[in-house]
Amino acid sequence: MSKKRKRYSPQFKAKVALAALRNEETATELAKRFEIHPTMISTWKRELLQGAADIFDMGQKSRKKVDSQIDELHRHIGQLKVENDFLSRKLGF
């Protein structure tokens, strides 16, 4: 007989972590209110604090990714154009 682990949504984790950051209740009180273990609260709070900077950086990362994809596509278009011109000359079009 194995225990099935309960999975929590990111929204729920954020809600609990933000409640812990407010310091209006202790971890034990929050654990009772949300029916989870106090260790999970401290873990989610730490993860929130460590990942907070990434929230503001996401726009720049996605912009860099799009720019690199555009550059790659331009290189590919250039290569195809050169190949097309070469084949056109060889076939006499």
N, C-alpha and C. Protein backbone atom coordinates (compact mmCIF):
# COMPACT_ATOMS: atom_id res chain seq x y z
N MET A 1 0.84 -1.17 0.00
CA MET A 1 0.00 0.00 0.00
C MET A 1 0.90 1.24 0.00
N SER A 2 0.88 1.99 -1.11
CA SER A 2 1.72 3.18 -1.20
C SER A 2 0.86 4.43 -1.09
N LYS A 3 1.47 5.45 -0.51
CA LYS A 3 0.77 6.72 -0.40
C LYS A 3 0.91 7.48 -1.71
N LYS A 4 -0.15 8.09 -2.13
CA LYS A 4 -0.12 8.89 -3.34
C LYS A 4 0.17 10.33 -2.94
N ARG A 5 1.18 10.91 -3.56
CA ARG A 5 1.54 12.28 -3.24
C ARG A 5 0.54 13.25 -3.82
N LYS A 6 0.23 14.25 -3.06
CA LYS A 6 -0.69 15.27 -3.52
C LYS A 6 0.10 16.32 -4.29
N ARG A 7 -0.41 16.72 -5.41
CA ARG A 7 0.24 17.75 -6.22
C ARG A 7 -0.52 19.06 -6.05
N TYR A 8 0.23 20.12 -5.90
CA TYR A 8 -0.37 21.44 -5.70
C TYR A 8 -0.12 22.30 -6.93
N SER A 9 -1.10 23.10 -7.27
CA SER A 9 -0.98 23.96 -8.45
C SER A 9 -0.01 25.11 -8.14
N PRO A 10 0.59 25.67 -9.18
CA PRO A 10 1.47 26.82 -8.98
C PRO A 10 0.73 28.00 -8.34
N GLN A 11 -0.54 28.15 -8.65
CA GLN A 11 -1.33 29.24 -8.06
C GLN A 11 -1.46 29.06 -6.56
N PHE A 12 -1.71 27.83 -6.13
CA PHE A 12 -1.84 27.54 -4.71
C PHE A 12 -0.51 27.77 -4.00
N LYS A 13 0.58 27.32 -4.60
CA LYS A 13 1.90 27.51 -4.00
C LYS A 13 2.21 29.00 -3.86
N ALA A 14 1.89 29.78 -4.89
CA ALA A 14 2.14 31.21 -4.83
C ALA A 14 1.31 31.87 -3.74
N LYS A 15 0.07 31.44 -3.63
CA LYS A 15 -0.82 31.99 -2.60
C LYS A 15 -0.27 31.73 -1.20
N VAL A 16 0.18 30.51 -0.97
CA VAL A 16 0.73 30.15 0.34
C VAL A 16 2.04 30.89 0.59
N ALA A 17 2.90 30.94 -0.40
CA ALA A 17 4.19 31.61 -0.24
C ALA A 17 4.02 33.10 0.03
N LEU A 18 3.08 33.72 -0.66
CA LEU A 18 2.83 35.15 -0.41
C LEU A 18 2.26 35.38 0.98
N ALA A 19 1.41 34.48 1.43
CA ALA A 19 0.88 34.58 2.79
C ALA A 19 2.01 34.45 3.81
N ALA A 20 2.98 33.58 3.52
CA ALA A 20 4.12 33.41 4.41
C ALA A 20 5.02 34.65 4.41
N LEU A 21 5.14 35.29 3.25
CA LEU A 21 5.96 36.50 3.16
C LEU A 21 5.36 37.67 3.94
N ARG A 22 4.06 37.68 4.05
CA ARG A 22 3.39 38.78 4.78
C ARG A 22 3.69 38.75 6.28
N ASN A 23 4.07 37.60 6.79
CA ASN A 23 4.40 37.43 8.21
C ASN A 23 3.26 37.82 9.15
N GLU A 24 2.03 37.67 8.68
CA GLU A 24 0.89 37.94 9.54
C GLU A 24 0.55 36.74 10.41
N GLU A 25 0.95 35.54 9.95
CA GLU A 25 0.71 34.31 10.68
C GLU A 25 2.00 33.50 10.69
N THR A 26 2.13 32.63 11.68
CA THR A 26 3.29 31.76 11.72
C THR A 26 3.13 30.64 10.69
N ALA A 27 4.22 29.94 10.44
CA ALA A 27 4.18 28.83 9.50
C ALA A 27 3.23 27.75 9.99
N THR A 28 3.19 27.55 11.28
CA THR A 28 2.29 26.53 11.84
C THR A 28 0.83 26.92 11.61
N GLU A 29 0.52 28.19 11.82
CA GLU A 29 -0.85 28.65 11.60
C GLU A 29 -1.24 28.54 10.13
N LEU A 30 -0.31 28.91 9.26
CA LEU A 30 -0.57 28.78 7.82
C LEU A 30 -0.74 27.32 7.42
N ALA A 31 0.06 26.46 8.01
CA ALA A 31 -0.03 25.04 7.70
C ALA A 31 -1.39 24.48 8.09
N LYS A 32 -1.90 24.90 9.22
CA LYS A 32 -3.23 24.46 9.64
C LYS A 32 -4.30 25.01 8.71
N ARG A 33 -4.16 26.28 8.35
CA ARG A 33 -5.17 26.92 7.50
C ARG A 33 -5.22 26.29 6.11
N PHE A 34 -4.04 26.03 5.53
CA PHE A 34 -3.98 25.48 4.17
C PHE A 34 -3.88 23.96 4.15
N GLU A 35 -3.80 23.34 5.31
CA GLU A 35 -3.73 21.89 5.45
C GLU A 35 -2.54 21.29 4.71
N ILE A 36 -1.37 21.87 4.98
CA ILE A 36 -0.11 21.36 4.43
C ILE A 36 0.93 21.36 5.53
N HIS A 37 2.07 20.76 5.26
CA HIS A 37 3.14 20.69 6.25
C HIS A 37 3.90 22.03 6.28
N PRO A 38 4.33 22.48 7.46
CA PRO A 38 5.07 23.75 7.56
C PRO A 38 6.35 23.77 6.73
N THR A 39 6.98 22.62 6.55
CA THR A 39 8.20 22.56 5.74
C THR A 39 7.92 22.97 4.30
N MET A 40 6.77 22.57 3.79
CA MET A 40 6.41 22.94 2.42
C MET A 40 6.27 24.45 2.29
N ILE A 41 5.73 25.07 3.31
CA ILE A 41 5.55 26.53 3.29
C ILE A 41 6.90 27.22 3.19
N SER A 42 7.86 26.79 4.02
CA SER A 42 9.17 27.43 3.97
C SER A 42 9.88 27.17 2.65
N THR A 43 9.68 25.97 2.09
CA THR A 43 10.29 25.64 0.79
C THR A 43 9.72 26.53 -0.31
N TRP A 44 8.40 26.64 -0.34
CA TRP A 44 7.75 27.47 -1.37
C TRP A 44 8.10 28.94 -1.20
N LYS A 45 8.24 29.40 0.02
CA LYS A 45 8.61 30.79 0.29
C LYS A 45 10.03 31.06 -0.23
N ARG A 46 10.95 30.11 0.04
CA ARG A 46 12.32 30.26 -0.43
C ARG A 46 12.37 30.26 -1.96
N GLU A 47 11.61 29.36 -2.59
CA GLU A 47 11.58 29.30 -4.06
C GLU A 47 11.03 30.59 -4.66
N LEU A 48 10.03 31.16 -4.00
CA LEU A 48 9.46 32.41 -4.48
C LEU A 48 10.49 33.53 -4.41
N LEU A 49 11.21 33.61 -3.30
CA LEU A 49 12.22 34.65 -3.16
C LEU A 49 13.36 34.48 -4.15
N GLN A 50 13.76 33.23 -4.40
CA GLN A 50 14.85 32.98 -5.35
C GLN A 50 14.43 33.25 -6.79
N GLY A 51 13.18 33.00 -7.11
CA GLY A 51 12.72 33.15 -8.49
C GLY A 51 12.05 34.47 -8.79
N ALA A 52 11.99 35.37 -7.82
CA ALA A 52 11.29 36.64 -8.03
C ALA A 52 11.94 37.48 -9.12
N ALA A 53 13.25 37.48 -9.20
CA ALA A 53 13.93 38.29 -10.22
C ALA A 53 13.63 37.78 -11.62
N ASP A 54 13.40 36.48 -11.76
CA ASP A 54 13.12 35.90 -13.07
C ASP A 54 11.81 36.41 -13.65
N ILE A 55 10.88 36.79 -12.80
CA ILE A 55 9.60 37.30 -13.27
C ILE A 55 9.81 38.57 -14.09
N PHE A 56 10.70 39.42 -13.63
CA PHE A 56 10.94 40.68 -14.32
C PHE A 56 11.88 40.52 -15.50
N ASP A 57 12.61 39.42 -15.54
CA ASP A 57 13.58 39.18 -16.60
C ASP A 57 12.99 38.37 -17.75
N MET A 58 11.79 37.82 -17.58
CA MET A 58 11.20 36.95 -18.60
C MET A 58 11.03 37.65 -19.93
N GLY A 59 10.65 38.90 -19.93
CA GLY A 59 10.44 39.62 -21.18
C GLY A 59 11.71 39.73 -21.99
N GLN A 60 12.82 39.99 -21.31
CA GLN A 60 14.09 40.13 -22.02
C GLN A 60 14.57 38.79 -22.56
N LYS A 61 14.38 37.71 -21.79
CA LYS A 61 14.80 36.40 -22.26
C LYS A 61 14.03 35.98 -23.50
N SER A 62 12.71 36.20 -23.47
CA SER A 62 11.91 35.81 -24.63
C SER A 62 12.24 36.67 -25.84
N ARG A 63 12.55 37.94 -25.61
CA ARG A 63 12.92 38.83 -26.71
C ARG A 63 14.24 38.37 -27.33
N LYS A 64 15.20 37.98 -26.50
CA LYS A 64 16.48 37.50 -27.00
C LYS A 64 16.29 36.21 -27.79
N LYS A 65 15.40 35.34 -27.30
CA LYS A 65 15.14 34.08 -27.98
C LYS A 65 14.52 34.33 -29.35
N VAL A 66 13.58 35.26 -29.42
CA VAL A 66 12.93 35.59 -30.70
C VAL A 66 13.95 36.19 -31.66
N ASP A 67 14.81 37.08 -31.14
CA ASP A 67 15.83 37.69 -31.99
C ASP A 67 16.78 36.64 -32.55
N SER A 68 17.17 35.68 -31.73
CA SER A 68 18.08 34.64 -32.22
C SER A 68 17.39 33.75 -33.25
N GLN A 69 16.10 33.49 -33.06
CA GLN A 69 15.35 32.70 -34.04
C GLN A 69 15.24 33.46 -35.37
N ILE A 70 15.01 34.75 -35.30
CA ILE A 70 14.92 35.57 -36.51
C ILE A 70 16.25 35.56 -37.25
N ASP A 71 17.36 35.70 -36.52
CA ASP A 71 18.68 35.66 -37.15
C ASP A 71 18.92 34.32 -37.84
N GLU A 72 18.54 33.25 -37.17
CA GLU A 72 18.71 31.92 -37.76
C GLU A 72 17.88 31.77 -39.03
N LEU A 73 16.66 32.27 -39.01
CA LEU A 73 15.81 32.20 -40.20
C LEU A 73 16.36 33.03 -41.34
N HIS A 74 16.92 34.19 -41.03
CA HIS A 74 17.53 35.03 -42.08
C HIS A 74 18.73 34.31 -42.71
N ARG A 75 19.53 33.64 -41.88
CA ARG A 75 20.66 32.88 -42.42
C ARG A 75 20.17 31.75 -43.33
N HIS A 76 19.12 31.09 -42.91
CA HIS A 76 18.57 29.99 -43.70
C HIS A 76 18.00 30.51 -45.03
N ILE A 77 17.31 31.63 -44.99
CA ILE A 77 16.77 32.24 -46.22
C ILE A 77 17.91 32.60 -47.17
N GLY A 78 18.98 33.18 -46.62
CA GLY A 78 20.13 33.52 -47.46
C GLY A 78 20.74 32.30 -48.12
N GLN A 79 20.87 31.23 -47.36
CA GLN A 79 21.43 29.99 -47.91
C GLN A 79 20.54 29.44 -49.01
N LEU A 80 19.24 29.44 -48.80
CA LEU A 80 18.31 28.94 -49.81
C LEU A 80 18.34 29.80 -51.07
N LYS A 81 18.49 31.10 -50.90
CA LYS A 81 18.55 32.01 -52.05
C LYS A 81 19.79 31.73 -52.89
N VAL A 82 20.92 31.53 -52.22
CA VAL A 82 22.16 31.23 -52.93
C VAL A 82 22.03 29.90 -53.68
N GLU A 83 21.47 28.89 -53.04
CA GLU A 83 21.28 27.60 -53.69
C GLU A 83 20.33 27.71 -54.87
N ASN A 84 19.27 28.48 -54.72
CA ASN A 84 18.30 28.67 -55.79
C ASN A 84 18.94 29.37 -56.99
N ASP A 85 19.74 30.42 -56.73
CA ASP A 85 20.42 31.13 -57.80
C ASP A 85 21.40 30.20 -58.53
N PHE A 86 22.13 29.38 -57.77
CA PHE A 86 23.09 28.45 -58.36
C PHE A 86 22.38 27.46 -59.28
N LEU A 87 21.29 26.88 -58.78
CA LEU A 87 20.56 25.90 -59.59
C LEU A 87 19.92 26.56 -60.81
N SER A 88 19.44 27.78 -60.68
CA SER A 88 18.84 28.48 -61.83
C SER A 88 19.88 28.70 -62.93
N ARG A 89 21.11 29.08 -62.54
CA ARG A 89 22.16 29.30 -63.55
C ARG A 89 22.57 27.99 -64.21
N LYS A 90 22.65 26.92 -63.42
CA LYS A 90 23.07 25.63 -63.96
C LYS A 90 22.02 25.06 -64.93
N LEU A 91 20.76 25.32 -64.63
CA LEU A 91 19.69 24.79 -65.49
C LEU A 91 19.37 25.75 -66.64
N GLY A 92 19.90 26.96 -66.60
CA GLY A 92 19.73 27.90 -67.70
C GLY A 92 18.42 28.66 -67.66
N PHE A 93 17.86 28.88 -66.48
CA PHE A 93 16.63 29.67 -66.40
C PHE A 93 16.92 31.13 -66.45
